[in-house]
């Protein structure tokens, strides 16, 4: 295994380690707690939201790690990061942001989710404008991370 392949794998692993295994495993082992948290958005849809999130975390992470449809997987996982920020990190709701309350903590969590989602987009779109058409023209393609 070449050093460049190892570095590529480790960087991708660092991007998805939050989701697979940790967050996915937490949803499995603490399903009721995850449903309780999802109930903040919708009591009726909470189990579906948790199962959908679990599916995204596992499948998208595996796609990114293996390089199979990794551009689409990264696009979906990036959207998942932003969506969870908007649904569960609503720093604008309590009105205690300026007094250093709970909203300020949520603000930093919100920014972390958005930043992680943006960072994962480098897998989708590459690092420059010339790389963007590859995903737009062939969204199921691979960035071929382990092969030249």
C-alpha atoms as a PDB file:
ATOM      1  CA  UNK A   1       0.000   0.000   0.000  1.00  0.00           C
ATOM      2  CA  UNK A   2       1.432   3.356  -0.967  1.00  0.00           C
ATOM      3  CA  UNK A   3       1.663   6.272   1.426  1.00  0.00           C
ATOM      4  CA  UNK A   4      -0.743   8.356  -0.672  1.00  0.00           C
ATOM      5  CA  UNK A   5      -3.422   5.653  -0.517  1.00  0.00           C
ATOM      6  CA  UNK A   6      -2.962   5.324   3.237  1.00  0.00           C
ATOM      7  CA  UNK A   7      -3.216   9.094   3.756  1.00  0.00           C
ATOM      8  CA  UNK A   8      -6.300   9.257   1.514  1.00  0.00           C
ATOM      9  CA  UNK A   9      -7.980   6.481   3.500  1.00  0.00           C
ATOM     10  CA  UNK A  10      -7.082   8.028   6.868  1.00  0.00           C
ATOM     11  CA  UNK A  11      -8.400  11.462   5.854  1.00  0.00           C
ATOM     12  CA  UNK A  12     -11.652   9.907   4.672  1.00  0.00           C
ATOM     13  CA  UNK A  13     -11.863   7.856   7.840  1.00  0.00           C
ATOM     14  CA  UNK A  14     -11.423  11.003   9.919  1.00  0.00           C
ATOM     15  CA  UNK A  15     -14.286  12.642   8.017  1.00  0.00           C
ATOM     16  CA  UNK A  16     -16.706   9.799   8.649  1.00  0.00           C
ATOM     17  CA  UNK A  17     -15.563   8.450  12.052  1.00  0.00           C
ATOM     18  CA  UNK A  18     -18.107  10.646  13.804  1.00  0.00           C
ATOM     19  CA  UNK A  19     -20.880   8.879  11.896  1.00  0.00           C
ATOM     20  CA  UNK A  20     -19.511   5.365  11.469  1.00  0.00           C
ATOM     21  CA  UNK A  21     -19.078   3.818  13.955  1.00  0.00           C
ATOM     22  CA  UNK A  22     -19.874   6.284  16.746  1.00  0.00           C
ATOM     23  CA  UNK A  23     -23.139   8.045  15.905  1.00  0.00           C
ATOM     24  CA  UNK A  24     -24.565   5.017  14.109  1.00  0.00           C
ATOM     25  CA  UNK A  25     -23.708   2.750  17.025  1.00  0.00           C
ATOM     26  CA  UNK A  26     -25.214   5.241  19.469  1.00  0.00           C
ATOM     27  CA  UNK A  27     -28.469   5.189  17.496  1.00  0.00           C
ATOM     28  CA  UNK A  28     -28.535   1.386  17.640  1.00  0.00           C
ATOM     29  CA  UNK A  29     -27.611   1.054  21.319  1.00  0.00           C
ATOM     30  CA  UNK A  30     -29.695   4.028  22.482  1.00  0.00           C
ATOM     31  CA  UNK A  31     -32.575   3.936  20.018  1.00  0.00           C
ATOM     32  CA  UNK A  32     -35.114   5.247  22.539  1.00  0.00           C
ATOM     33  CA  UNK A  33     -32.898   8.212  23.405  1.00  0.00           C
ATOM     34  CA  UNK A  34     -32.376   8.967  19.729  1.00  0.00           C
ATOM     35  CA  UNK A  35     -36.139   8.832  19.128  1.00  0.00           C
ATOM     36  CA  UNK A  36     -36.683  11.113  22.124  1.00  0.00           C
ATOM     37  CA  UNK A  37     -34.244  13.638  20.633  1.00  0.00           C
ATOM     38  CA  UNK A  38     -35.831  13.320  17.183  1.00  0.00           C
ATOM     39  CA  UNK A  39     -39.210  14.016  18.819  1.00  0.00           C
ATOM     40  CA  UNK A  40     -38.073  17.627  19.188  1.00  0.00           C
ATOM     41  CA  UNK A  41     -38.778  17.928  15.475  1.00  0.00           C
ATOM     42  CA  UNK A  42     -41.699  15.529  15.052  1.00  0.00           C
ATOM     43  CA  UNK A  43     -43.175  13.024  17.485  1.00  0.00           C
ATOM     44  CA  UNK A  44     -44.884  11.090  14.697  1.00  0.00           C
ATOM     45  CA  UNK A  45     -41.855  10.905  12.407  1.00  0.00           C
ATOM     46  CA  UNK A  46     -39.206  10.453  15.120  1.00  0.00           C
ATOM     47  CA  UNK A  47     -38.523   6.713  14.571  1.00  0.00           C
ATOM     48  CA  UNK A  48     -38.396   7.230  10.814  1.00  0.00           C
ATOM     49  CA  UNK A  49     -35.991  10.161  11.251  1.00  0.00           C
ATOM     50  CA  UNK A  50     -33.694   8.044  13.423  1.00  0.00           C
ATOM     51  CA  UNK A  51     -33.742   5.080  11.040  1.00  0.00           C
ATOM     52  CA  UNK A  52     -33.203   7.387   8.072  1.00  0.00           C
ATOM     53  CA  UNK A  53     -30.304   9.060   9.844  1.00  0.00           C
ATOM     54  CA  UNK A  54     -28.821   5.673  10.685  1.00  0.00           C
ATOM     55  CA  UNK A  55     -29.077   4.640   7.048  1.00  0.00           C
ATOM     56  CA  UNK A  56     -27.406   7.828   5.845  1.00  0.00           C
ATOM     57  CA  UNK A  57     -24.629   7.553   8.413  1.00  0.00           C
ATOM     58  CA  UNK A  58     -23.820   3.935   7.548  1.00  0.00           C
ATOM     59  CA  UNK A  59     -24.300   3.922   3.774  1.00  0.00           C
ATOM     60  CA  UNK A  60     -22.782   7.311   3.026  1.00  0.00           C
ATOM     61  CA  UNK A  61     -19.801   6.620   5.285  1.00  0.00           C
ATOM     62  CA  UNK A  62     -19.184   3.281   3.584  1.00  0.00           C
ATOM     63  CA  UNK A  63     -19.451   4.937   0.173  1.00  0.00           C
ATOM     64  CA  UNK A  64     -16.877   7.551   1.162  1.00  0.00           C
ATOM     65  CA  UNK A  65     -14.518   4.973   2.657  1.00  0.00           C
ATOM     66  CA  UNK A  66     -14.721   2.503  -0.228  1.00  0.00           C
ATOM     67  CA  UNK A  67     -14.855   5.056  -3.021  1.00  0.00           C
ATOM     68  CA  UNK A  68     -18.061   3.529  -4.450  1.00  0.00           C
ATOM     69  CA  UNK A  69     -20.274   6.403  -5.593  1.00  0.00           C
ATOM     70  CA  UNK A  70     -18.295   8.418  -3.069  1.00  0.00           C
ATOM     71  CA  UNK A  71     -19.194  11.759  -4.627  1.00  0.00           C
ATOM     72  CA  UNK A  72     -22.916  11.168  -4.166  1.00  0.00           C
ATOM     73  CA  UNK A  73     -22.325   9.668  -0.709  1.00  0.00           C
ATOM     74  CA  UNK A  74     -20.371  12.762   0.350  1.00  0.00           C
ATOM     75  CA  UNK A  75     -23.066  15.035  -1.093  1.00  0.00           C
ATOM     76  CA  UNK A  76     -25.756  13.204   0.900  1.00  0.00           C
ATOM     77  CA  UNK A  77     -23.683  13.176   4.104  1.00  0.00           C
ATOM     78  CA  UNK A  78     -22.945  16.876   3.701  1.00  0.00           C
ATOM     79  CA  UNK A  79     -26.653  17.622   3.339  1.00  0.00           C
ATOM     80  CA  UNK A  80     -27.312  15.468   6.401  1.00  0.00           C
ATOM     81  CA  UNK A  81     -24.840  17.571   8.439  1.00  0.00           C
ATOM     82  CA  UNK A  82     -26.521  20.819   7.406  1.00  0.00           C
ATOM     83  CA  UNK A  83     -30.031  19.423   7.901  1.00  0.00           C
ATOM     84  CA  UNK A  84     -29.248  18.184  11.408  1.00  0.00           C
ATOM     85  CA  UNK A  85     -27.760  21.604  12.209  1.00  0.00           C
ATOM     86  CA  UNK A  86     -30.958  23.314  11.086  1.00  0.00           C
ATOM     87  CA  UNK A  87     -33.278  20.882  12.889  1.00  0.00           C
ATOM     88  CA  UNK A  88     -31.446  20.254  16.180  1.00  0.00           C
ATOM     89  CA  UNK A  89     -28.972  23.108  16.664  1.00  0.00           C
ATOM     90  CA  UNK A  90     -31.499  25.957  16.584  1.00  0.00           C
ATOM     91  CA  UNK A  91     -29.501  28.572  18.436  1.00  0.00           C
ATOM     92  CA  UNK A  92     -32.005  31.251  17.454  1.00  0.00           C
ATOM     93  CA  UNK A  93     -34.949  29.807  19.417  1.00  0.00           C
ATOM     94  CA  UNK A  94     -34.416  30.550  23.133  1.00  0.00           C
ATOM     95  CA  UNK A  95     -33.281  34.157  23.044  1.00  0.00           C
ATOM     96  CA  UNK A  96     -30.356  33.723  25.434  1.00  0.00           C
ATOM     97  CA  UNK A  97     -27.540  33.875  22.876  1.00  0.00           C
ATOM     98  CA  UNK A  98     -26.149  37.228  24.000  1.00  0.00           C
ATOM     99  CA  UNK A  99     -26.320  36.355  27.690  1.00  0.00           C
ATOM    100  CA  UNK A 100     -24.107  33.300  27.197  1.00  0.00           C
ATOM    101  CA  UNK A 101     -26.907  30.768  27.630  1.00  0.00           C
ATOM    102  CA  UNK A 102     -27.713  27.508  25.907  1.00  0.00           C
ATOM    103  CA  UNK A 103     -28.134  29.196  22.526  1.00  0.00           C
ATOM    104  CA  UNK A 104     -24.460  30.152  22.422  1.00  0.00           C
ATOM    105  CA  UNK A 105     -23.467  26.489  22.866  1.00  0.00           C
ATOM    106  CA  UNK A 106     -25.917  25.511  20.140  1.00  0.00           C
ATOM    107  CA  UNK A 107     -24.433  28.182  17.875  1.00  0.00           C
ATOM    108  CA  UNK A 108     -20.989  26.573  18.049  1.00  0.00           C
ATOM    109  CA  UNK A 109     -22.482  23.124  17.460  1.00  0.00           C
ATOM    110  CA  UNK A 110     -24.425  24.546  14.513  1.00  0.00           C
ATOM    111  CA  UNK A 111     -21.238  25.974  12.992  1.00  0.00           C
ATOM    112  CA  UNK A 112     -19.372  22.692  13.534  1.00  0.00           C
ATOM    113  CA  UNK A 113     -22.093  20.758  11.697  1.00  0.00           C
ATOM    114  CA  UNK A 114     -22.063  23.202   8.793  1.00  0.00           C
ATOM    115  CA  UNK A 115     -18.244  23.226   8.638  1.00  0.00           C
ATOM    116  CA  UNK A 116     -18.092  19.419   8.641  1.00  0.00           C
ATOM    117  CA  UNK A 117     -20.673  19.308   5.865  1.00  0.00           C
ATOM    118  CA  UNK A 118     -18.697  21.842   3.838  1.00  0.00           C
ATOM    119  CA  UNK A 119     -15.469  19.907   4.349  1.00  0.00           C
ATOM    120  CA  UNK A 120     -17.067  16.682   3.148  1.00  0.00           C
ATOM    121  CA  UNK A 121     -18.073  18.484  -0.060  1.00  0.00           C
ATOM    122  CA  UNK A 122     -14.416  18.411  -1.112  1.00  0.00           C
ATOM    123  CA  UNK A 123     -14.989  14.734  -1.859  1.00  0.00           C
ATOM    124  CA  UNK A 124     -18.060  15.593  -3.948  1.00  0.00           C
ATOM    125  CA  UNK A 125     -16.750  18.522  -5.935  1.00  0.00           C
ATOM    126  CA  UNK A 126     -12.972  18.315  -5.585  1.00  0.00           C
ATOM    127  CA  UNK A 127     -10.791  21.235  -4.686  1.00  0.00           C
ATOM    128  CA  UNK A 128     -11.169  23.478  -7.688  1.00  0.00           C
ATOM    129  CA  UNK A 129     -13.679  24.723 -10.256  1.00  0.00           C
ATOM    130  CA  UNK A 130     -12.441  22.289 -12.893  1.00  0.00           C
ATOM    131  CA  UNK A 131     -13.485  19.368 -10.646  1.00  0.00           C
ATOM    132  CA  UNK A 132     -17.140  20.395 -10.247  1.00  0.00           C
ATOM    133  CA  UNK A 133     -18.423  19.142 -13.649  1.00  0.00           C
ATOM    134  CA  UNK A 134     -17.339  15.578 -12.820  1.00  0.00           C
ATOM    135  CA  UNK A 135     -20.049  15.313 -10.151  1.00  0.00           C
ATOM    136  CA  UNK A 136     -22.675  17.325 -12.020  1.00  0.00           C
ATOM    137  CA  UNK A 137     -22.310  15.200 -15.172  1.00  0.00           C
ATOM    138  CA  UNK A 138     -21.935  11.838 -13.401  1.00  0.00           C
ATOM    139  CA  UNK A 139     -23.261  11.976  -9.813  1.00  0.00           C
ATOM    140  CA  UNK A 140     -22.884   8.213  -9.278  1.00  0.00           C
ATOM    141  CA  UNK A 141     -19.260   8.229 -10.362  1.00  0.00           C
ATOM    142  CA  UNK A 142     -16.318   7.627  -8.090  1.00  0.00           C
ATOM    143  CA  UNK A 143     -13.527  10.063  -7.449  1.00  0.00           C
ATOM    144  CA  UNK A 144     -11.309   6.950  -7.668  1.00  0.00           C
ATOM    145  CA  UNK A 145      -9.564   7.743  -4.376  1.00  0.00           C
ATOM    146  CA  UNK A 146      -7.370   4.646  -4.285  1.00  0.00           C
ATOM    147  CA  UNK A 147      -6.532   4.203  -7.968  1.00  0.00           C
ATOM    148  CA  UNK A 148      -4.940   6.632 -10.417  1.00  0.00           C
END
